[in-house]
Full PDB file with SEQRES, HELIX, SHEET, SSBOND, CRYST1, ORIGX, SCALE, CONECT and MASTER records, all heavy atoms in Angstrom:
SEQRES   1 A   37  ASP LEU ARG GLY LEU GLU TRP ALA SER ALA LEU ALA GLY          
SEQRES   2 A   37  CYS LEU THR LEU ALA VAL GLY TYR ALA GLN ALA LEU GLN          
SEQRES   3 A   37  MET SER ALA GLY LEU ILE ALA ALA PHE ILE THR                  
HELIX    1 AA1 LEU A    2  ALA A   24  1                                  23    
HELIX    2 AA2 ALA A   29  ILE A   36  1                                   8    
CRYST1    1.000    1.000    1.000  90.00  90.00  90.00 P 1           1          
ORIGX1      1.000000  0.000000  0.000000        0.00000                         
ORIGX2      0.000000  1.000000  0.000000        0.00000                         
ORIGX3      0.000000  0.000000  1.000000        0.00000                         
SCALE1      1.000000  0.000000  0.000000        0.00000                         
SCALE2      0.000000  1.000000  0.000000        0.00000                         
SCALE3      0.000000  0.000000  1.000000        0.00000                         
ATOM      1  N   ASP A   1      -5.483 -21.713  15.012  1.00  0.00           N  
ATOM      2  CA  ASP A   1      -5.617 -23.033  14.465  1.00  0.00           C  
ATOM      3  C   ASP A   1      -4.801 -23.209  13.277  1.00  0.00           C  
ATOM      4  O   ASP A   1      -5.263 -23.199  12.125  1.00  0.00           O  
ATOM      5  CB  ASP A   1      -7.166 -23.270  13.989  1.00  0.00           C  
ATOM      6  CG  ASP A   1      -7.474 -24.586  13.520  1.00  0.00           C  
ATOM      7  OD1 ASP A   1      -6.651 -25.529  13.793  1.00  0.00           O  
ATOM      8  OD2 ASP A   1      -8.442 -24.788  12.824  1.00  0.00           O  
ATOM      9  N   LEU A   2      -3.539 -23.546  13.494  1.00  0.00           N  
ATOM     10  CA  LEU A   2      -2.547 -23.595  12.451  1.00  0.00           C  
ATOM     11  C   LEU A   2      -2.978 -24.809  11.450  1.00  0.00           C  
ATOM     12  O   LEU A   2      -3.032 -24.650  10.260  1.00  0.00           O  
ATOM     13  CB  LEU A   2      -1.198 -23.829  12.945  1.00  0.00           C  
ATOM     14  CG  LEU A   2      -0.044 -24.167  12.007  1.00  0.00           C  
ATOM     15  CD1 LEU A   2       0.110 -23.177  10.879  1.00  0.00           C  
ATOM     16  CD2 LEU A   2       1.246 -24.429  12.698  1.00  0.00           C  
ATOM     17  N   ARG A   3      -3.149 -25.950  12.107  1.00  0.00           N  
ATOM     18  CA  ARG A   3      -3.496 -27.056  11.228  1.00  0.00           C  
ATOM     19  C   ARG A   3      -4.745 -26.818  10.382  1.00  0.00           C  
ATOM     20  O   ARG A   3      -4.797 -27.257   9.226  1.00  0.00           O  
ATOM     21  CB  ARG A   3      -3.633 -28.382  12.154  1.00  0.00           C  
ATOM     22  CG  ARG A   3      -3.809 -29.721  11.363  1.00  0.00           C  
ATOM     23  CD  ARG A   3      -3.702 -30.904  12.215  1.00  0.00           C  
ATOM     24  NE  ARG A   3      -2.360 -31.033  12.751  1.00  0.00           N  
ATOM     25  CZ  ARG A   3      -1.310 -31.515  12.168  1.00  0.00           C  
ATOM     26  NH1 ARG A   3      -1.443 -32.111  10.974  1.00  0.00           N  
ATOM     27  NH2 ARG A   3      -0.160 -31.707  12.692  1.00  0.00           N  
ATOM     28  N   GLY A   4      -5.725 -26.256  11.043  1.00  0.00           N  
ATOM     29  CA  GLY A   4      -6.896 -26.121  10.268  1.00  0.00           C  
ATOM     30  C   GLY A   4      -6.685 -25.075   9.015  1.00  0.00           C  
ATOM     31  O   GLY A   4      -7.290 -25.287   8.006  1.00  0.00           O  
ATOM     32  N   LEU A   5      -5.801 -24.071   9.375  1.00  0.00           N  
ATOM     33  CA  LEU A   5      -5.487 -23.210   8.229  1.00  0.00           C  
ATOM     34  C   LEU A   5      -4.775 -23.716   7.163  1.00  0.00           C  
ATOM     35  O   LEU A   5      -4.995 -23.550   5.897  1.00  0.00           O  
ATOM     36  CB  LEU A   5      -4.645 -22.050   8.757  1.00  0.00           C  
ATOM     37  CG  LEU A   5      -4.190 -20.975   7.828  1.00  0.00           C  
ATOM     38  CD1 LEU A   5      -5.324 -20.269   7.084  1.00  0.00           C  
ATOM     39  CD2 LEU A   5      -3.265 -19.931   8.426  1.00  0.00           C  
ATOM     40  N   GLU A   6      -3.799 -24.653   7.460  1.00  0.00           N  
ATOM     41  CA  GLU A   6      -3.080 -25.348   6.391  1.00  0.00           C  
ATOM     42  C   GLU A   6      -3.960 -26.233   5.567  1.00  0.00           C  
ATOM     43  O   GLU A   6      -3.871 -26.282   4.285  1.00  0.00           O  
ATOM     44  CB  GLU A   6      -1.879 -26.048   7.034  1.00  0.00           C  
ATOM     45  CG  GLU A   6      -0.825 -25.333   7.575  1.00  0.00           C  
ATOM     46  CD  GLU A   6       0.360 -26.065   8.252  1.00  0.00           C  
ATOM     47  OE1 GLU A   6       0.106 -26.547   9.345  1.00  0.00           O  
ATOM     48  OE2 GLU A   6       1.352 -26.212   7.638  1.00  0.00           O  
ATOM     49  N   TRP A   7      -4.804 -26.979   6.298  1.00  0.00           N  
ATOM     50  CA  TRP A   7      -5.818 -27.897   5.485  1.00  0.00           C  
ATOM     51  C   TRP A   7      -6.732 -27.078   4.696  1.00  0.00           C  
ATOM     52  O   TRP A   7      -7.065 -27.325   3.543  1.00  0.00           O  
ATOM     53  CB  TRP A   7      -6.315 -28.866   6.400  1.00  0.00           C  
ATOM     54  CG  TRP A   7      -5.503 -29.960   6.692  1.00  0.00           C  
ATOM     55  CD1 TRP A   7      -4.484 -30.168   7.599  1.00  0.00           C  
ATOM     56  CD2 TRP A   7      -5.639 -31.323   5.978  1.00  0.00           C  
ATOM     57  NE1 TRP A   7      -3.903 -31.434   7.485  1.00  0.00           N  
ATOM     58  CE2 TRP A   7      -4.580 -32.186   6.577  1.00  0.00           C  
ATOM     59  CE3 TRP A   7      -6.393 -31.769   5.005  1.00  0.00           C  
ATOM     60  CZ2 TRP A   7      -4.356 -33.378   6.155  1.00  0.00           C  
ATOM     61  CZ3 TRP A   7      -6.217 -33.149   4.598  1.00  0.00           C  
ATOM     62  CH2 TRP A   7      -5.298 -33.967   5.074  1.00  0.00           C  
ATOM     63  N   ALA A   8      -7.247 -25.931   5.328  1.00  0.00           N  
ATOM     64  CA  ALA A   8      -8.266 -25.132   4.598  1.00  0.00           C  
ATOM     65  C   ALA A   8      -7.576 -24.535   3.374  1.00  0.00           C  
ATOM     66  O   ALA A   8      -8.299 -24.596   2.269  1.00  0.00           O  
ATOM     67  CB  ALA A   8      -8.685 -24.032   5.427  1.00  0.00           C  
ATOM     68  N   SER A   9      -6.415 -24.076   3.451  1.00  0.00           N  
ATOM     69  CA  SER A   9      -5.637 -23.476   2.328  1.00  0.00           C  
ATOM     70  C   SER A   9      -5.587 -24.544   1.183  1.00  0.00           C  
ATOM     71  O   SER A   9      -5.676 -24.283  -0.032  1.00  0.00           O  
ATOM     72  CB  SER A   9      -4.302 -22.909   2.614  1.00  0.00           C  
ATOM     73  OG  SER A   9      -4.500 -21.803   3.501  1.00  0.00           O  
ATOM     74  N   ALA A  10      -5.083 -25.701   1.517  1.00  0.00           N  
ATOM     75  CA  ALA A  10      -4.842 -26.785   0.522  1.00  0.00           C  
ATOM     76  C   ALA A  10      -6.077 -27.292  -0.081  1.00  0.00           C  
ATOM     77  O   ALA A  10      -6.188 -27.374  -1.358  1.00  0.00           O  
ATOM     78  CB  ALA A  10      -4.106 -27.959   1.226  1.00  0.00           C  
ATOM     79  N   LEU A  11      -7.179 -27.498   0.657  1.00  0.00           N  
ATOM     80  CA  LEU A  11      -8.402 -27.976   0.240  1.00  0.00           C  
ATOM     81  C   LEU A  11      -9.140 -26.980  -0.621  1.00  0.00           C  
ATOM     82  O   LEU A  11      -9.711 -27.288  -1.690  1.00  0.00           O  
ATOM     83  CB  LEU A  11      -9.333 -28.503   1.309  1.00  0.00           C  
ATOM     84  CG  LEU A  11      -8.752 -29.699   2.189  1.00  0.00           C  
ATOM     85  CD1 LEU A  11      -9.710 -29.993   3.301  1.00  0.00           C  
ATOM     86  CD2 LEU A  11      -8.450 -30.893   1.290  1.00  0.00           C  
ATOM     87  N   ALA A  12      -9.081 -25.748  -0.183  1.00  0.00           N  
ATOM     88  CA  ALA A  12      -9.700 -24.591  -1.010  1.00  0.00           C  
ATOM     89  C   ALA A  12      -9.130 -24.418  -2.272  1.00  0.00           C  
ATOM     90  O   ALA A  12      -9.747 -24.182  -3.267  1.00  0.00           O  
ATOM     91  CB  ALA A  12      -9.738 -23.311  -0.177  1.00  0.00           C  
ATOM     92  N   GLY A  13      -7.834 -24.621  -2.374  1.00  0.00           N  
ATOM     93  CA  GLY A  13      -7.070 -24.541  -3.665  1.00  0.00           C  
ATOM     94  C   GLY A  13      -7.518 -25.571  -4.620  1.00  0.00           C  
ATOM     95  O   GLY A  13      -7.813 -25.449  -5.795  1.00  0.00           O  
ATOM     96  N   CYS A  14      -7.743 -26.816  -4.066  1.00  0.00           N  
ATOM     97  CA  CYS A  14      -8.263 -27.939  -4.896  1.00  0.00           C  
ATOM     98  C   CYS A  14      -9.712 -27.634  -5.433  1.00  0.00           C  
ATOM     99  O   CYS A  14     -10.037 -27.702  -6.496  1.00  0.00           O  
ATOM    100  CB  CYS A  14      -8.362 -29.157  -4.154  1.00  0.00           C  
ATOM    101  SG  CYS A  14      -6.714 -29.847  -3.564  1.00  0.00           S  
ATOM    102  N   LEU A  15     -10.508 -27.112  -4.529  1.00  0.00           N  
ATOM    103  CA  LEU A  15     -11.962 -26.877  -4.839  1.00  0.00           C  
ATOM    104  C   LEU A  15     -12.052 -25.632  -5.784  1.00  0.00           C  
ATOM    105  O   LEU A  15     -12.982 -25.630  -6.529  1.00  0.00           O  
ATOM    106  CB  LEU A  15     -12.696 -26.691  -3.571  1.00  0.00           C  
ATOM    107  CG  LEU A  15     -12.849 -27.998  -2.708  1.00  0.00           C  
ATOM    108  CD1 LEU A  15     -13.510 -27.573  -1.343  1.00  0.00           C  
ATOM    109  CD2 LEU A  15     -13.606 -29.108  -3.377  1.00  0.00           C  
ATOM    110  N   THR A  16     -11.143 -24.704  -5.646  1.00  0.00           N  
ATOM    111  CA  THR A  16     -11.209 -23.611  -6.460  1.00  0.00           C  
ATOM    112  C   THR A  16     -10.962 -23.961  -7.934  1.00  0.00           C  
ATOM    113  O   THR A  16     -11.428 -23.417  -8.907  1.00  0.00           O  
ATOM    114  CB  THR A  16     -10.073 -22.452  -6.063  1.00  0.00           C  
ATOM    115  OG1 THR A  16     -10.507 -22.037  -4.796  1.00  0.00           O  
ATOM    116  CG2 THR A  16     -10.067 -21.411  -7.105  1.00  0.00           C  
ATOM    117  N   LEU A  17     -10.012 -24.959  -8.078  1.00  0.00           N  
ATOM    118  CA  LEU A  17      -9.912 -25.429  -9.466  1.00  0.00           C  
ATOM    119  C   LEU A  17     -11.115 -26.017 -10.099  1.00  0.00           C  
ATOM    120  O   LEU A  17     -11.413 -25.864 -11.161  1.00  0.00           O  
ATOM    121  CB  LEU A  17      -8.746 -26.575  -9.418  1.00  0.00           C  
ATOM    122  CG  LEU A  17      -8.305 -27.230 -10.698  1.00  0.00           C  
ATOM    123  CD1 LEU A  17      -6.840 -27.633 -10.701  1.00  0.00           C  
ATOM    124  CD2 LEU A  17      -9.230 -28.563 -11.084  1.00  0.00           C  
ATOM    125  N   ALA A  18     -11.986 -26.688  -9.214  1.00  0.00           N  
ATOM    126  CA  ALA A  18     -13.233 -27.175  -9.641  1.00  0.00           C  
ATOM    127  C   ALA A  18     -14.181 -26.042 -10.004  1.00  0.00           C  
ATOM    128  O   ALA A  18     -15.051 -26.235 -10.899  1.00  0.00           O  
ATOM    129  CB  ALA A  18     -13.819 -28.043  -8.503  1.00  0.00           C  
ATOM    130  N   VAL A  19     -14.081 -24.962  -9.292  1.00  0.00           N  
ATOM    131  CA  VAL A  19     -14.946 -23.739  -9.642  1.00  0.00           C  
ATOM    132  C   VAL A  19     -14.577 -23.256 -11.084  1.00  0.00           C  
ATOM    133  O   VAL A  19     -15.539 -23.023 -11.892  1.00  0.00           O  
ATOM    134  CB  VAL A  19     -14.674 -22.646  -8.599  1.00  0.00           C  
ATOM    135  CG1 VAL A  19     -15.377 -21.337  -9.251  1.00  0.00           C  
ATOM    136  CG2 VAL A  19     -15.238 -22.984  -7.288  1.00  0.00           C  
ATOM    137  N   GLY A  20     -13.376 -23.179 -11.402  1.00  0.00           N  
ATOM    138  CA  GLY A  20     -12.909 -22.794 -12.775  1.00  0.00           C  
ATOM    139  C   GLY A  20     -13.481 -23.839 -13.814  1.00  0.00           C  
ATOM    140  O   GLY A  20     -13.895 -23.575 -14.882  1.00  0.00           O  
ATOM    141  N   TYR A  21     -13.415 -25.182 -13.415  1.00  0.00           N  
ATOM    142  CA  TYR A  21     -13.964 -26.185 -14.266  1.00  0.00           C  
ATOM    143  C   TYR A  21     -15.427 -26.025 -14.504  1.00  0.00           C  
ATOM    144  O   TYR A  21     -15.929 -26.134 -15.658  1.00  0.00           O  
ATOM    145  CB  TYR A  21     -13.597 -27.501 -13.584  1.00  0.00           C  
ATOM    146  CG  TYR A  21     -14.076 -28.737 -14.351  1.00  0.00           C  
ATOM    147  CD1 TYR A  21     -13.164 -29.372 -15.251  1.00  0.00           C  
ATOM    148  CD2 TYR A  21     -15.234 -29.459 -14.112  1.00  0.00           C  
ATOM    149  CE1 TYR A  21     -13.474 -30.511 -15.982  1.00  0.00           C  
ATOM    150  CE2 TYR A  21     -15.522 -30.543 -14.751  1.00  0.00           C  
ATOM    151  CZ  TYR A  21     -14.627 -31.139 -15.694  1.00  0.00           C  
ATOM    152  OH  TYR A  21     -14.964 -32.258 -16.423  1.00  0.00           O  
ATOM    153  N   ALA A  22     -16.219 -25.813 -13.394  1.00  0.00           N  
ATOM    154  CA  ALA A  22     -17.625 -25.531 -13.539  1.00  0.00           C  
ATOM    155  C   ALA A  22     -18.040 -24.375 -14.318  1.00  0.00           C  
ATOM    156  O   ALA A  22     -18.869 -24.380 -15.141  1.00  0.00           O  
ATOM    157  CB  ALA A  22     -18.252 -25.459 -12.118  1.00  0.00           C  
ATOM    158  N   GLN A  23     -17.216 -23.317 -14.171  1.00  0.00           N  
ATOM    159  CA  GLN A  23     -17.417 -22.145 -15.032  1.00  0.00           C  
ATOM    160  C   GLN A  23     -17.216 -22.478 -16.451  1.00  0.00           C  
ATOM    161  O   GLN A  23     -17.999 -21.829 -17.453  1.00  0.00           O  
ATOM    162  CB  GLN A  23     -16.483 -20.994 -14.492  1.00  0.00           C  
ATOM    163  CG  GLN A  23     -16.852 -20.416 -13.234  1.00  0.00           C  
ATOM    164  CD  GLN A  23     -15.923 -19.413 -12.567  1.00  0.00           C  
ATOM    165  OE1 GLN A  23     -14.735 -19.333 -13.035  1.00  0.00           O  
ATOM    166  NE2 GLN A  23     -16.356 -18.487 -11.750  1.00  0.00           N  
ATOM    167  N   ALA A  24     -16.222 -23.086 -16.838  1.00  0.00           N  
ATOM    168  CA  ALA A  24     -16.043 -23.546 -18.201  1.00  0.00           C  
ATOM    169  C   ALA A  24     -17.051 -24.366 -18.834  1.00  0.00           C  
ATOM    170  O   ALA A  24     -17.491 -24.256 -19.960  1.00  0.00           O  
ATOM    171  CB  ALA A  24     -14.714 -24.338 -18.321  1.00  0.00           C  
ATOM    172  N   LEU A  25     -17.767 -25.175 -17.977  1.00  0.00           N  
ATOM    173  CA  LEU A  25     -18.932 -25.915 -18.387  1.00  0.00           C  
ATOM    174  C   LEU A  25     -20.205 -25.100 -18.424  1.00  0.00           C  
ATOM    175  O   LEU A  25     -21.298 -25.483 -18.655  1.00  0.00           O  
ATOM    176  CB  LEU A  25     -19.139 -27.085 -17.432  1.00  0.00           C  
ATOM    177  CG  LEU A  25     -18.012 -28.128 -17.427  1.00  0.00           C  
ATOM    178  CD1 LEU A  25     -18.404 -29.337 -16.523  1.00  0.00           C  
ATOM    179  CD2 LEU A  25     -17.691 -28.712 -18.863  1.00  0.00           C  
ATOM    180  N   GLN A  26     -20.101 -23.768 -18.109  1.00  0.00           N  
ATOM    181  CA  GLN A  26     -21.158 -22.808 -18.103  1.00  0.00           C  
ATOM    182  C   GLN A  26     -22.287 -23.343 -17.100  1.00  0.00           C  
ATOM    183  O   GLN A  26     -23.479 -23.153 -17.446  1.00  0.00           O  
ATOM    184  CB  GLN A  26     -21.694 -22.677 -19.436  1.00  0.00           C  
ATOM    185  CG  GLN A  26     -20.622 -22.003 -20.296  1.00  0.00           C  
ATOM    186  CD  GLN A  26     -21.255 -21.630 -21.639  1.00  0.00           C  
ATOM    187  OE1 GLN A  26     -22.108 -22.347 -22.257  1.00  0.00           O  
ATOM    188  NE2 GLN A  26     -20.786 -20.491 -22.213  1.00  0.00           N  
ATOM    189  N   MET A  27     -21.958 -23.846 -15.953  1.00  0.00           N  
ATOM    190  CA  MET A  27     -22.976 -24.149 -14.947  1.00  0.00           C  
ATOM    191  C   MET A  27     -23.537 -22.892 -14.421  1.00  0.00           C  
ATOM    192  O   MET A  27     -22.920 -21.844 -14.357  1.00  0.00           O  
ATOM    193  CB  MET A  27     -22.299 -24.988 -13.854  1.00  0.00           C  
ATOM    194  CG  MET A  27     -21.855 -26.392 -14.193  1.00  0.00           C  
ATOM    195  SD  MET A  27     -21.210 -27.219 -12.756  1.00  0.00           S  
ATOM    196  CE  MET A  27     -20.694 -28.750 -13.513  1.00  0.00           C  
ATOM    197  N   SER A  28     -24.764 -22.972 -14.042  1.00  0.00           N  
ATOM    198  CA  SER A  28     -25.473 -21.866 -13.444  1.00  0.00           C  
ATOM    199  C   SER A  28     -24.724 -21.240 -12.245  1.00  0.00           C  
ATOM    200  O   SER A  28     -24.165 -22.083 -11.482  1.00  0.00           O  
ATOM    201  CB  SER A  28     -26.948 -22.140 -13.206  1.00  0.00           C  
ATOM    202  OG  SER A  28     -27.088 -23.022 -12.112  1.00  0.00           O  
ATOM    203  N   ALA A  29     -25.047 -20.035 -11.894  1.00  0.00           N  
ATOM    204  CA  ALA A  29     -24.624 -19.566 -10.595  1.00  0.00           C  
ATOM    205  C   ALA A  29     -24.990 -20.246  -9.311  1.00  0.00           C  
ATOM    206  O   ALA A  29     -24.394 -20.423  -8.456  1.00  0.00           O  
ATOM    207  CB  ALA A  29     -24.897 -17.916 -10.605  1.00  0.00           C  
ATOM    208  N   GLY A  30     -26.375 -20.623  -9.464  1.00  0.00           N  
ATOM    209  CA  GLY A  30     -27.006 -21.346  -8.423  1.00  0.00           C  
ATOM    210  C   GLY A  30     -26.210 -22.638  -8.172  1.00  0.00           C  
ATOM    211  O   GLY A  30     -26.087 -23.082  -7.040  1.00  0.00           O  
ATOM    212  N   LEU A  31     -25.941 -23.373  -9.244  1.00  0.00           N  
ATOM    213  CA  LEU A  31     -25.348 -24.556  -9.040  1.00  0.00           C  
ATOM    214  C   LEU A  31     -23.873 -24.547  -8.596  1.00  0.00           C  
ATOM    215  O   LEU A  31     -23.417 -25.356  -7.734  1.00  0.00           O  
ATOM    216  CB  LEU A  31     -25.274 -25.350 -10.454  1.00  0.00           C  
ATOM    217  CG  LEU A  31     -24.874 -26.867 -10.375  1.00  0.00           C  
ATOM    218  CD1 LEU A  31     -25.738 -27.660  -9.467  1.00  0.00           C  
ATOM    219  CD2 LEU A  31     -24.919 -27.495 -11.787  1.00  0.00           C  
ATOM    220  N   ILE A  32     -23.212 -23.427  -8.973  1.00  0.00           N  
ATOM    221  CA  ILE A  32     -21.864 -23.208  -8.539  1.00  0.00           C  
ATOM    222  C   ILE A  32     -21.906 -22.906  -7.016  1.00  0.00           C  
ATOM    223  O   ILE A  32     -21.070 -23.385  -6.176  1.00  0.00           O  
ATOM    224  CB  ILE A  32     -21.150 -22.191  -9.334  1.00  0.00           C  
ATOM    225  CG1 ILE A  32     -20.853 -22.588 -10.746  1.00  0.00           C  
ATOM    226  CG2 ILE A  32     -19.870 -21.752  -8.653  1.00  0.00           C  
ATOM    227  CD1 ILE A  32     -20.228 -21.576 -11.629  1.00  0.00           C  
ATOM    228  N   ALA A  33     -22.893 -22.145  -6.559  1.00  0.00           N  
ATOM    229  CA  ALA A  33     -23.062 -21.784  -5.185  1.00  0.00           C  
ATOM    230  C   ALA A  33     -23.380 -23.144  -4.478  1.00  0.00           C  
ATOM    231  O   ALA A  33     -22.746 -23.261  -3.250  1.00  0.00           O  
ATOM    232  CB  ALA A  33     -24.221 -20.793  -4.994  1.00  0.00           C  
ATOM    233  N   ALA A  34     -24.107 -23.966  -5.025  1.00  0.00           N  
ATOM    234  CA  ALA A  34     -24.429 -25.252  -4.217  1.00  0.00           C  
ATOM    235  C   ALA A  34     -23.102 -26.032  -4.122  1.00  0.00           C  
ATOM    236  O   ALA A  34     -22.860 -26.706  -3.150  1.00  0.00           O  
ATOM    237  CB  ALA A  34     -25.570 -26.037  -4.937  1.00  0.00           C  
ATOM    238  N   PHE A  35     -22.433 -26.015  -5.171  1.00  0.00           N  
ATOM    239  CA  PHE A  35     -21.174 -26.799  -5.203  1.00  0.00           C  
ATOM    240  C   PHE A  35     -20.124 -26.148  -4.045  1.00  0.00           C  
ATOM    241  O   PHE A  35     -19.631 -27.057  -3.435  1.00  0.00           O  
ATOM    242  CB  PHE A  35     -20.426 -26.638  -6.630  1.00  0.00           C  
ATOM    243  CG  PHE A  35     -19.021 -27.238  -6.645  1.00  0.00           C  
ATOM    244  CD1 PHE A  35     -18.829 -28.619  -6.684  1.00  0.00           C  
ATOM    245  CD2 PHE A  35     -18.024 -26.425  -6.587  1.00  0.00           C  
ATOM    246  CE1 PHE A  35     -17.585 -29.184  -6.601  1.00  0.00           C  
ATOM    247  CE2 PHE A  35     -16.654 -26.973  -6.616  1.00  0.00           C  
ATOM    248  CZ  PHE A  35     -16.510 -28.364  -6.606  1.00  0.00           C  
ATOM    249  N   ILE A  36     -20.031 -24.894  -4.043  1.00  0.00           N  
ATOM    250  CA  ILE A  36     -19.113 -24.329  -3.108  1.00  0.00           C  
ATOM    251  C   ILE A  36     -19.585 -24.769  -1.678  1.00  0.00           C  
ATOM    252  O   ILE A  36     -18.734 -25.112  -0.774  1.00  0.00           O  
ATOM    253  CB  ILE A  36     -19.127 -22.858  -3.220  1.00  0.00           C  
ATOM    254  CG1 ILE A  36     -18.353 -22.420  -4.558  1.00  0.00           C  
ATOM    255  CG2 ILE A  36     -18.391 -22.166  -2.028  1.00  0.00           C  
ATOM    256  CD1 ILE A  36     -18.299 -20.959  -4.842  1.00  0.00           C  
ATOM    257  N   THR A  37     -20.903 -24.604  -1.408  1.00  0.00           N  
ATOM    258  CA  THR A  37     -21.470 -24.891  -0.059  1.00  0.00           C  
ATOM    259  C   THR A  37     -21.276 -26.339   0.310  1.00  0.00           C  
ATOM    260  O   THR A  37     -20.654 -26.639   1.369  1.00  0.00           O  
ATOM    261  CB  THR A  37     -22.981 -24.608  -0.097  1.00  0.00           C  
ATOM    262  OG1 THR A  37     -23.208 -23.206  -0.409  1.00  0.00           O  
ATOM    263  CG2 THR A  37     -23.543 -24.775   1.331  1.00  0.00           C  
TER     264      THR A  37                                                      
MASTER        0    0    0    2    0    0    0    6  263    1    0    3          
END                                                                             
């Protein structure tokens, strides 16, 4: 699934930036887990 892999890599990169943002705001581990899901 080449197209799926390319989109997954791009979108995960965007969402990972948001994980760093959430960590800086000191969101709880549970909230970050919910965000990822």
